[in-house]
Amino acid sequence: MCQRMGARLVWPMSNFIVFARMAGTVIISLVSVNKYITEGIQHAIGENRAIKIASLITYSIPFSITADLTADTGGGQGLAIGVLNLAIVIPQSAHT
């Protein structure tokens, strides 16, 4: 695409596309939060402190271990973390 249109045009276009997608995410999030304005969104995690701490550990430790193990392999951390992310998201999507 850069060879056809030039990098000076492709780069701003891709940045604008990312901006538009992120703005869409903000709009969807605001609509979702407004839906739960009466009870708030904290009920999704719960008010139990132990559950919050366990969730933080569960969400962060696999990614930090993956980053640490793949740091010196030369293949890049992005691919390994992307595969780990898919391994987490696909079963969640299949469950719903």
PDB file of N, CA and C in Angstrom:
ATOM      1  N   MET A   1       0.819  -1.176   0.000  1.00  0.00           N
ATOM      2  CA  MET A   1       0.000   0.000   0.000  1.00  0.00           C
ATOM      3  C   MET A   1       0.873   1.255   0.000  1.00  0.00           C
ATOM      4  N   CYS A   2       1.987   1.189   0.723  1.00  0.00           N
ATOM      5  CA  CYS A   2       2.895   2.338   0.746  1.00  0.00           C
ATOM      6  C   CYS A   2       3.517   2.572  -0.622  1.00  0.00           C
ATOM      7  N   GLN A   3       3.756   1.497  -1.382  1.00  0.00           N
ATOM      8  CA  GLN A   3       4.340   1.653  -2.709  1.00  0.00           C
ATOM      9  C   GLN A   3       3.353   2.291  -3.669  1.00  0.00           C
ATOM     10  N   ARG A   4       2.081   1.996  -3.496  1.00  0.00           N
ATOM     11  CA  ARG A   4       1.075   2.563  -4.395  1.00  0.00           C
ATOM     12  C   ARG A   4       0.733   4.002  -4.048  1.00  0.00           C
ATOM     13  N   MET A   5       0.536   4.267  -2.736  1.00  0.00           N
ATOM     14  CA  MET A   5       0.028   5.572  -2.322  1.00  0.00           C
ATOM     15  C   MET A   5       1.087   6.440  -1.649  1.00  0.00           C
ATOM     16  N   GLY A   6       2.143   5.843  -1.182  1.00  0.00           N
ATOM     17  CA  GLY A   6       3.184   6.609  -0.496  1.00  0.00           C
ATOM     18  C   GLY A   6       2.985   6.571   1.015  1.00  0.00           C
ATOM     19  N   ALA A   7       4.089   6.498   1.715  1.00  0.00           N
ATOM     20  CA  ALA A   7       4.031   6.401   3.174  1.00  0.00           C
ATOM     21  C   ALA A   7       3.474   7.665   3.808  1.00  0.00           C
ATOM     22  N   ARG A   8       3.668   8.807   3.148  1.00  0.00           N
ATOM     23  CA  ARG A   8       3.160  10.064   3.708  1.00  0.00           C
ATOM     24  C   ARG A   8       1.642  10.122   3.723  1.00  0.00           C
ATOM     25  N   LEU A   9       0.979   9.327   2.910  1.00  0.00           N
ATOM     26  CA  LEU A   9      -0.480   9.282   2.917  1.00  0.00           C
ATOM     27  C   LEU A   9      -0.997   8.099   3.730  1.00  0.00           C
ATOM     28  N   VAL A  10      -0.317   6.965   3.654  1.00  0.00           N
ATOM     29  CA  VAL A  10      -0.771   5.760   4.348  1.00  0.00           C
ATOM     30  C   VAL A  10      -0.695   5.948   5.865  1.00  0.00           C
ATOM     31  N   TRP A  11       0.387   6.529   6.365  1.00  0.00           N
ATOM     32  CA  TRP A  11       0.553   6.696   7.811  1.00  0.00           C
ATOM     33  C   TRP A  11      -0.553   7.570   8.420  1.00  0.00           C
ATOM     34  N   PRO A  12      -0.850   8.750   7.889  1.00  0.00           N
ATOM     35  CA  PRO A  12      -1.959   9.532   8.466  1.00  0.00           C
ATOM     36  C   PRO A  12      -3.314   8.839   8.322  1.00  0.00           C
ATOM     37  N   MET A  13      -3.515   8.129   7.216  1.00  0.00           N
ATOM     38  CA  MET A  13      -4.780   7.411   7.062  1.00  0.00           C
ATOM     39  C   MET A  13      -4.935   6.338   8.130  1.00  0.00           C
ATOM     40  N   SER A  14      -3.870   5.583   8.400  1.00  0.00           N
ATOM     41  CA  SER A  14      -3.956   4.538   9.414  1.00  0.00           C
ATOM     42  C   SER A  14      -4.152   5.142  10.798  1.00  0.00           C
ATOM     43  N   ASN A  15      -3.506   6.266  11.062  1.00  0.00           N
ATOM     44  CA  ASN A  15      -3.715   6.940  12.351  1.00  0.00           C
ATOM     45  C   ASN A  15      -5.151   7.424  12.492  1.00  0.00           C
ATOM     46  N   PHE A  16      -5.726   7.932  11.429  1.00  0.00           N
ATOM     47  CA  PHE A  16      -7.117   8.388  11.486  1.00  0.00           C
ATOM     48  C   PHE A  16      -8.069   7.214  11.690  1.00  0.00           C
ATOM     49  N   ILE A  17      -7.802   6.091  11.052  1.00  0.00           N
ATOM     50  CA  ILE A  17      -8.641   4.906  11.231  1.00  0.00           C
ATOM     51  C   ILE A  17      -8.587   4.427  12.681  1.00  0.00           C
ATOM     52  N   VAL A  18      -7.388   4.406  13.264  1.00  0.00           N
ATOM     53  CA  VAL A  18      -7.255   4.015  14.669  1.00  0.00           C
ATOM     54  C   VAL A  18      -8.006   5.005  15.554  1.00  0.00           C
ATOM     55  N   PHE A  19      -7.900   6.300  15.271  1.00  0.00           N
ATOM     56  CA  PHE A  19      -8.621   7.313  16.037  1.00  0.00           C
ATOM     57  C   PHE A  19     -10.128   7.089  15.955  1.00  0.00           C
ATOM     58  N   ALA A  20     -10.631   6.826  14.761  1.00  0.00           N
ATOM     59  CA  ALA A  20     -12.074   6.617  14.595  1.00  0.00           C
ATOM     60  C   ALA A  20     -12.542   5.382  15.365  1.00  0.00           C
ATOM     61  N   ARG A  21     -11.757   4.311  15.326  1.00  0.00           N
ATOM     62  CA  ARG A  21     -12.121   3.093  16.065  1.00  0.00           C
ATOM     63  C   ARG A  21     -12.105   3.338  17.570  1.00  0.00           C
ATOM     64  N   MET A  22     -11.107   4.057  18.054  1.00  0.00           N
ATOM     65  CA  MET A  22     -11.036   4.355  19.489  1.00  0.00           C
ATOM     66  C   MET A  22     -12.184   5.270  19.911  1.00  0.00           C
ATOM     67  N   ALA A  23     -12.534   6.230  19.066  1.00  0.00           N
ATOM     68  CA  ALA A  23     -13.674   7.098  19.373  1.00  0.00           C
ATOM     69  C   ALA A  23     -14.957   6.276  19.430  1.00  0.00           C
ATOM     70  N   GLY A  24     -15.087   5.307  18.538  1.00  0.00           N
ATOM     71  CA  GLY A  24     -16.246   4.412  18.588  1.00  0.00           C
ATOM     72  C   GLY A  24     -16.285   3.610  19.869  1.00  0.00           C
ATOM     73  N   THR A  25     -15.119   3.176  20.335  1.00  0.00           N
ATOM     74  CA  THR A  25     -15.047   2.441  21.598  1.00  0.00           C
ATOM     75  C   THR A  25     -15.494   3.316  22.757  1.00  0.00           C
ATOM     76  N   VAL A  26     -15.095   4.585  22.743  1.00  0.00           N
ATOM     77  CA  VAL A  26     -15.510   5.503  23.799  1.00  0.00           C
ATOM     78  C   VAL A  26     -17.020   5.692  23.780  1.00  0.00           C
ATOM     79  N   ILE A  27     -17.589   5.842  22.607  1.00  0.00           N
ATOM     80  CA  ILE A  27     -19.035   6.033  22.501  1.00  0.00           C
ATOM     81  C   ILE A  27     -19.776   4.802  23.009  1.00  0.00           C
ATOM     82  N   ILE A  28     -19.334   3.623  22.608  1.00  0.00           N
ATOM     83  CA  ILE A  28     -19.972   2.387  23.071  1.00  0.00           C
ATOM     84  C   ILE A  28     -19.834   2.253  24.587  1.00  0.00           C
ATOM     85  N   SER A  29     -18.672   2.604  25.129  1.00  0.00           N
ATOM     86  CA  SER A  29     -18.464   2.537  26.580  1.00  0.00           C
ATOM     87  C   SER A  29     -19.375   3.505  27.318  1.00  0.00           C
ATOM     88  N   LEU A  30     -19.533   4.703  26.799  1.00  0.00           N
ATOM     89  CA  LEU A  30     -20.415   5.673  27.448  1.00  0.00           C
ATOM     90  C   LEU A  30     -21.862   5.206  27.439  1.00  0.00           C
ATOM     91  N   VAL A  31     -22.300   4.637  26.340  1.00  0.00           N
ATOM     92  CA  VAL A  31     -23.664   4.100  26.273  1.00  0.00           C
ATOM     93  C   VAL A  31     -23.825   2.975  27.287  1.00  0.00           C
ATOM     94  N   SER A  32     -22.822   2.121  27.384  1.00  0.00           N
ATOM     95  CA  SER A  32     -22.883   1.005  28.320  1.00  0.00           C
ATOM     96  C   SER A  32     -22.905   1.490  29.762  1.00  0.00           C
ATOM     97  N   VAL A  33     -22.073   2.473  30.089  1.00  0.00           N
ATOM     98  CA  VAL A  33     -22.042   2.998  31.458  1.00  0.00           C
ATOM     99  C   VAL A  33     -23.355   3.684  31.790  1.00  0.00           C
ATOM    100  N   ASN A  34     -23.918   4.414  30.844  1.00  0.00           N
ATOM    101  CA  ASN A  34     -25.200   5.077  31.102  1.00  0.00           C
ATOM    102  C   ASN A  34     -26.311   4.063  31.360  1.00  0.00           C
ATOM    103  N   LYS A  35     -26.186   2.884  30.803  1.00  0.00           N
ATOM    104  CA  LYS A  35     -27.185   1.845  31.035  1.00  0.00           C
ATOM    105  C   LYS A  35     -27.163   1.382  32.485  1.00  0.00           C
ATOM    106  N   TYR A  36     -25.973   1.359  33.082  1.00  0.00           N
ATOM    107  CA  TYR A  36     -25.822   0.891  34.451  1.00  0.00           C
ATOM    108  C   TYR A  36     -25.615   2.034  35.440  1.00  0.00           C
ATOM    109  N   ILE A  37     -26.120   3.215  35.117  1.00  0.00           N
ATOM    110  CA  ILE A  37     -25.849   4.388  35.952  1.00  0.00           C
ATOM    111  C   ILE A  37     -26.456   4.259  37.341  1.00  0.00           C
ATOM    112  N   THR A  38     -27.530   3.526  37.474  1.00  0.00           N
ATOM    113  CA  THR A  38     -28.176   3.439  38.786  1.00  0.00           C
ATOM    114  C   THR A  38     -27.389   2.563  39.747  1.00  0.00           C
ATOM    115  N   GLU A  39     -26.904   1.434  39.275  1.00  0.00           N
ATOM    116  CA  GLU A  39     -26.176   0.538  40.171  1.00  0.00           C
ATOM    117  C   GLU A  39     -24.676   0.587  39.957  1.00  0.00           C
ATOM    118  N   GLY A  40     -24.216   1.327  38.971  1.00  0.00           N
ATOM    119  CA  GLY A  40     -22.793   1.434  38.703  1.00  0.00           C
ATOM    120  C   GLY A  40     -22.272   0.188  38.002  1.00  0.00           C
ATOM    121  N   ILE A  41     -21.005   0.221  37.637  1.00  0.00           N
ATOM    122  CA  ILE A  41     -20.425  -0.924  36.947  1.00  0.00           C
ATOM    123  C   ILE A  41     -19.554  -1.756  37.871  1.00  0.00           C
ATOM    124  N   GLN A  42     -19.466  -1.381  39.135  1.00  0.00           N
ATOM    125  CA  GLN A  42     -18.635  -2.120  40.073  1.00  0.00           C
ATOM    126  C   GLN A  42     -19.217  -3.492  40.389  1.00  0.00           C
ATOM    127  N   HIS A  43     -20.502  -3.691  40.150  1.00  0.00           N
ATOM    128  CA  HIS A  43     -21.107  -4.987  40.444  1.00  0.00           C
ATOM    129  C   HIS A  43     -20.565  -6.088  39.535  1.00  0.00           C
ATOM    130  N   ALA A  44     -19.938  -5.706  38.443  1.00  0.00           N
ATOM    131  CA  ALA A  44     -19.395  -6.715  37.529  1.00  0.00           C
ATOM    132  C   ALA A  44     -18.259  -7.502  38.181  1.00  0.00           C
ATOM    133  N   ILE A  45     -17.435  -6.834  38.956  1.00  0.00           N
ATOM    134  CA  ILE A  45     -16.333  -7.504  39.656  1.00  0.00           C
ATOM    135  C   ILE A  45     -16.780  -7.960  41.034  1.00  0.00           C
ATOM    136  N   GLY A  46     -17.641  -7.202  41.645  1.00  0.00           N
ATOM    137  CA  GLY A  46     -18.087  -7.535  42.986  1.00  0.00           C
ATOM    138  C   GLY A  46     -17.415  -6.641  44.003  1.00  0.00           C
ATOM    139  N   GLU A  47     -17.914  -6.690  45.181  1.00  0.00           N
ATOM    140  CA  GLU A  47     -17.353  -5.846  46.219  1.00  0.00           C
ATOM    141  C   GLU A  47     -16.420  -6.622  47.132  1.00  0.00           C
ATOM    142  N   ASN A  48     -16.212  -7.882  46.842  1.00  0.00           N
ATOM    143  CA  ASN A  48     -15.327  -8.699  47.648  1.00  0.00           C
ATOM    144  C   ASN A  48     -13.880  -8.359  47.294  1.00  0.00           C
ATOM    145  N   ARG A  49     -13.096  -7.932  48.271  1.00  0.00           N
ATOM    146  CA  ARG A  49     -11.720  -7.511  48.033  1.00  0.00           C
ATOM    147  C   ARG A  49     -10.849  -8.676  47.562  1.00  0.00           C
ATOM    148  N   ALA A  50     -11.100  -9.863  48.085  1.00  0.00           N
ATOM    149  CA  ALA A  50     -10.311 -11.032  47.689  1.00  0.00           C
ATOM    150  C   ALA A  50     -10.506 -11.354  46.212  1.00  0.00           C
ATOM    151  N   ILE A  51     -11.712 -11.188  45.721  1.00  0.00           N
ATOM    152  CA  ILE A  51     -11.977 -11.444  44.302  1.00  0.00           C
ATOM    153  C   ILE A  51     -11.258 -10.419  43.438  1.00  0.00           C
ATOM    154  N   LYS A  52     -11.232  -9.178  43.866  1.00  0.00           N
ATOM    155  CA  LYS A  52     -10.533  -8.140  43.101  1.00  0.00           C
ATOM    156  C   LYS A  52      -9.036  -8.437  43.021  1.00  0.00           C
ATOM    157  N   ILE A  53      -8.439  -8.830  44.143  1.00  0.00           N
ATOM    158  CA  ILE A  53      -7.009  -9.122  44.159  1.00  0.00           C
ATOM    159  C   ILE A  53      -6.706 -10.354  43.305  1.00  0.00           C
ATOM    160  N   ALA A  54      -7.544 -11.381  43.415  1.00  0.00           N
ATOM    161  CA  ALA A  54      -7.346 -12.589  42.606  1.00  0.00           C
ATOM    162  C   ALA A  54      -7.488 -12.281  41.122  1.00  0.00           C
ATOM    163  N   SER A  55      -8.409 -11.402  40.787  1.00  0.00           N
ATOM    164  CA  SER A  55      -8.588 -11.034  39.384  1.00  0.00           C
ATOM    165  C   SER A  55      -7.366 -10.297  38.853  1.00  0.00           C
ATOM    166  N   LEU A  56      -6.838  -9.380  39.646  1.00  0.00           N
ATOM    167  CA  LEU A  56      -5.650  -8.650  39.209  1.00  0.00           C
ATOM    168  C   LEU A  56      -4.475  -9.593  38.991  1.00  0.00           C
ATOM    169  N   ILE A  57      -4.305 -10.550  39.873  1.00  0.00           N
ATOM    170  CA  ILE A  57      -3.209 -11.513  39.721  1.00  0.00           C
ATOM    171  C   ILE A  57      -3.441 -12.384  38.495  1.00  0.00           C
ATOM    172  N   THR A  58      -4.667 -12.847  38.324  1.00  0.00           N
ATOM    173  CA  THR A  58      -4.981 -13.722  37.188  1.00  0.00           C
ATOM    174  C   THR A  58      -4.788 -13.013  35.860  1.00  0.00           C
ATOM    175  N   TYR A  59      -5.097 -11.730  35.812  1.00  0.00           N
ATOM    176  CA  TYR A  59      -4.994 -11.001  34.553  1.00  0.00           C
ATOM    177  C   TYR A  59      -3.574 -10.558  34.241  1.00  0.00           C
ATOM    178  N   SER A  60      -2.748 -10.303  35.255  1.00  0.00           N
ATOM    179  CA  SER A  60      -1.440  -9.724  34.982  1.00  0.00           C
ATOM    180  C   SER A  60      -0.297 -10.736  34.956  1.00  0.00           C
ATOM    181  N   ILE A  61      -0.349 -11.759  35.766  1.00  0.00           N
ATOM    182  CA  ILE A  61       0.795 -12.685  35.872  1.00  0.00           C
ATOM    183  C   ILE A  61       1.073 -13.434  34.565  1.00  0.00           C
ATOM    184  N   PRO A  62       0.070 -13.996  33.876  1.00  0.00           N
ATOM    185  CA  PRO A  62       0.405 -14.703  32.631  1.00  0.00           C
ATOM    186  C   PRO A  62       1.100 -13.809  31.600  1.00  0.00           C
ATOM    187  N   PHE A  63       0.686 -12.550  31.513  1.00  0.00           N
ATOM    188  CA  PHE A  63       1.295 -11.651  30.542  1.00  0.00           C
ATOM    189  C   PHE A  63       2.721 -11.285  30.944  1.00  0.00           C
ATOM    190  N   SER A  64       2.967 -11.075  32.237  1.00  0.00           N
ATOM    191  CA  SER A  64       4.323 -10.737  32.661  1.00  0.00           C
ATOM    192  C   SER A  64       5.258 -11.932  32.514  1.00  0.00           C
ATOM    193  N   ILE A  65       4.768 -13.133  32.783  1.00  0.00           N
ATOM    194  CA  ILE A  65       5.607 -14.325  32.593  1.00  0.00           C
ATOM    195  C   ILE A  65       5.919 -14.518  31.111  1.00  0.00           C
ATOM    196  N   THR A  66       4.920 -14.340  30.252  1.00  0.00           N
ATOM    197  CA  THR A  66       5.141 -14.465  28.810  1.00  0.00           C
ATOM    198  C   THR A  66       6.157 -13.444  28.325  1.00  0.00           C
ATOM    199  N   ALA A  67       6.039 -12.211  28.776  1.00  0.00           N
ATOM    200  CA  ALA A  67       6.986 -11.173  28.372  1.00  0.00           C
ATOM    201  C   ALA A  67       8.393 -11.502  28.843  1.00  0.00           C
ATOM    202  N   ASP A  68       8.513 -12.031  30.046  1.00  0.00           N
ATOM    203  CA  ASP A  68       9.830 -12.368  30.582  1.00  0.00           C
ATOM    204  C   ASP A  68      10.448 -13.548  29.839  1.00  0.00           C
ATOM    205  N   LEU A  69       9.647 -14.566  29.528  1.00  0.00           N
ATOM    206  CA  LEU A  69      10.180 -15.754  28.863  1.00  0.00           C
ATOM    207  C   LEU A  69      10.545 -15.504  27.401  1.00  0.00           C
ATOM    208  N   THR A  70       9.859 -14.597  26.757  1.00  0.00           N
ATOM    209  CA  THR A  70      10.104 -14.357  25.331  1.00  0.00           C
ATOM    210  C   THR A  70      11.011 -13.167  25.078  1.00  0.00           C
ATOM    211  N   ALA A  71      11.517 -12.537  26.115  1.00  0.00           N
ATOM    212  CA  ALA A  71      12.332 -11.328  25.939  1.00  0.00           C
ATOM    213  C   ALA A  71      13.614 -11.607  25.163  1.00  0.00           C
ATOM    214  N   ASP A  72      14.233 -12.756  25.385  1.00  0.00           N
ATOM    215  CA  ASP A  72      15.527 -13.043  24.767  1.00  0.00           C
ATOM    216  C   ASP A  72      15.451 -13.989  23.575  1.00  0.00           C
ATOM    217  N   THR A  73      14.261 -14.358  23.143  1.00  0.00           N
ATOM    218  CA  THR A  73      14.149 -15.340  22.063  1.00  0.00           C
ATOM    219  C   THR A  73      14.351 -14.735  20.688  1.00  0.00           C
ATOM    220  N   GLY A  74      14.155 -13.455  20.540  1.00  0.00           N
ATOM    221  CA  GLY A  74      14.340 -12.819  19.248  1.00  0.00           C
ATOM    222  C   GLY A  74      13.089 -12.843  18.379  1.00  0.00           C
ATOM    223  N   GLY A  75      12.081 -13.593  18.774  1.00  0.00           N
ATOM    224  CA  GLY A  75      10.851 -13.665  17.997  1.00  0.00           C
ATOM    225  C   GLY A  75       9.896 -12.527  18.287  1.00  0.00           C
ATOM    226  N   GLY A  76      10.129 -11.833  19.357  1.00  0.00           N
ATOM    227  CA  GLY A  76       9.273 -10.713  19.711  1.00  0.00           C
ATOM    228  C   GLY A  76       8.236 -11.105  20.742  1.00  0.00           C
ATOM    229  N   GLN A  77       7.950 -10.180  21.607  1.00  0.00           N
ATOM    230  CA  GLN A  77       6.964 -10.426  22.649  1.00  0.00           C
ATOM    231  C   GLN A  77       5.544 -10.277  22.127  1.00  0.00           C
ATOM    232  N   GLY A  78       5.372  -9.505  21.093  1.00  0.00           N
ATOM    233  CA  GLY A  78       4.029  -9.240  20.587  1.00  0.00           C
ATOM    234  C   GLY A  78       3.307 -10.487  20.123  1.00  0.00           C
ATOM    235  N   LEU A  79       4.004 -11.349  19.407  1.00  0.00           N
ATOM    236  CA  LEU A  79       3.370 -12.575  18.918  1.00  0.00           C
ATOM    237  C   LEU A  79       2.987 -13.483  20.072  1.00  0.00           C
ATOM    238  N   ALA A  80       3.888 -13.658  21.036  1.00  0.00           N
ATOM    239  CA  ALA A  80       3.606 -14.545  22.165  1.00  0.00           C
ATOM    240  C   ALA A  80       2.455 -14.013  23.008  1.00  0.00           C
ATOM    241  N   ILE A  81       2.419 -12.717  23.242  1.00  0.00           N
ATOM    242  CA  ILE A  81       1.337 -12.141  24.032  1.00  0.00           C
ATOM    243  C   ILE A  81       0.030 -12.175  23.248  1.00  0.00           C
ATOM    244  N   GLY A  82       0.102 -12.009  21.933  1.00  0.00           N
ATOM    245  CA  GLY A  82      -1.105 -12.127  21.108  1.00  0.00           C
ATOM    246  C   GLY A  82      -1.686 -13.527  21.141  1.00  0.00           C
ATOM    247  N   VAL A  83      -0.818 -14.531  21.075  1.00  0.00           N
ATOM    248  CA  VAL A  83      -1.287 -15.922  21.152  1.00  0.00           C
ATOM    249  C   VAL A  83      -1.891 -16.193  22.528  1.00  0.00           C
ATOM    250  N   LEU A  84      -1.249 -15.697  23.581  1.00  0.00           N
ATOM    251  CA  LEU A  84      -1.799 -15.853  24.930  1.00  0.00           C
ATOM    252  C   LEU A  84      -3.148 -15.163  25.040  1.00  0.00           C
ATOM    253  N   ASN A  85      -3.272 -13.993  24.471  1.00  0.00           N
ATOM    254  CA  ASN A  85      -4.538 -13.264  24.499  1.00  0.00           C
ATOM    255  C   ASN A  85      -5.631 -14.061  23.789  1.00  0.00           C
ATOM    256  N   LEU A  86      -5.311 -14.639  22.638  1.00  0.00           N
ATOM    257  CA  LEU A  86      -6.294 -15.467  21.936  1.00  0.00           C
ATOM    258  C   LEU A  86      -6.665 -16.702  22.741  1.00  0.00           C
ATOM    259  N   ALA A  87      -5.676 -17.285  23.423  1.00  0.00           N
ATOM    260  CA  ALA A  87      -5.947 -18.463  24.249  1.00  0.00           C
ATOM    261  C   ALA A  87      -6.882 -18.131  25.396  1.00  0.00           C
ATOM    262  N   ILE A  88      -6.915 -16.879  25.821  1.00  0.00           N
ATOM    263  CA  ILE A  88      -7.829 -16.455  26.887  1.00  0.00           C
ATOM    264  C   ILE A  88      -9.185 -16.069  26.308  1.00  0.00           C
ATOM    265  N   VAL A  89      -9.195 -15.345  25.202  1.00  0.00           N
ATOM    266  CA  VAL A  89     -10.426 -14.772  24.674  1.00  0.00           C
ATOM    267  C   VAL A  89     -11.313 -15.807  23.967  1.00  0.00           C
ATOM    268  N   ILE A  90     -10.720 -16.722  23.205  1.00  0.00           N
ATOM    269  CA  ILE A  90     -11.529 -17.677  22.440  1.00  0.00           C
ATOM    270  C   ILE A  90     -12.382 -18.554  23.343  1.00  0.00           C
ATOM    271  N   PRO A  91     -11.852 -19.125  24.437  1.00  0.00           N
ATOM    272  CA  PRO A  91     -12.740 -19.897  25.321  1.00  0.00           C
ATOM    273  C   PRO A  91     -13.831 -19.034  25.961  1.00  0.00           C
ATOM    274  N   GLN A  92     -13.516 -17.776  26.280  1.00  0.00           N
ATOM    275  CA  GLN A  92     -14.532 -16.899  26.843  1.00  0.00           C
ATOM    276  C   GLN A  92     -15.623 -16.637  25.823  1.00  0.00           C
ATOM    277  N   SER A  93     -15.250 -16.451  24.572  1.00  0.00           N
ATOM    278  CA  SER A  93     -16.245 -16.205  23.516  1.00  0.00           C
ATOM    279  C   SER A  93     -17.087 -17.439  23.274  1.00  0.00           C
ATOM    280  N   ALA A  94     -16.474 -18.606  23.350  1.00  0.00           N
ATOM    281  CA  ALA A  94     -17.218 -19.838  23.137  1.00  0.00           C
ATOM    282  C   ALA A  94     -18.187 -20.106  24.284  1.00  0.00           C
ATOM    283  N   HIS A  95     -17.842 -19.611  25.466  1.00  0.00           N
ATOM    284  CA  HIS A  95     -18.686 -19.855  26.643  1.00  0.00           C
ATOM    285  C   HIS A  95     -19.962 -19.050  26.587  1.00  0.00           C
ATOM    286  N   THR A  96     -19.915 -17.835  26.008  1.00  0.00           N
ATOM    287  CA  THR A  96     -21.095 -16.975  26.000  1.00  0.00           C
ATOM    288  C   THR A  96     -22.028 -17.299  24.882  1.00  0.00           C
TER     289      THR A  96
END
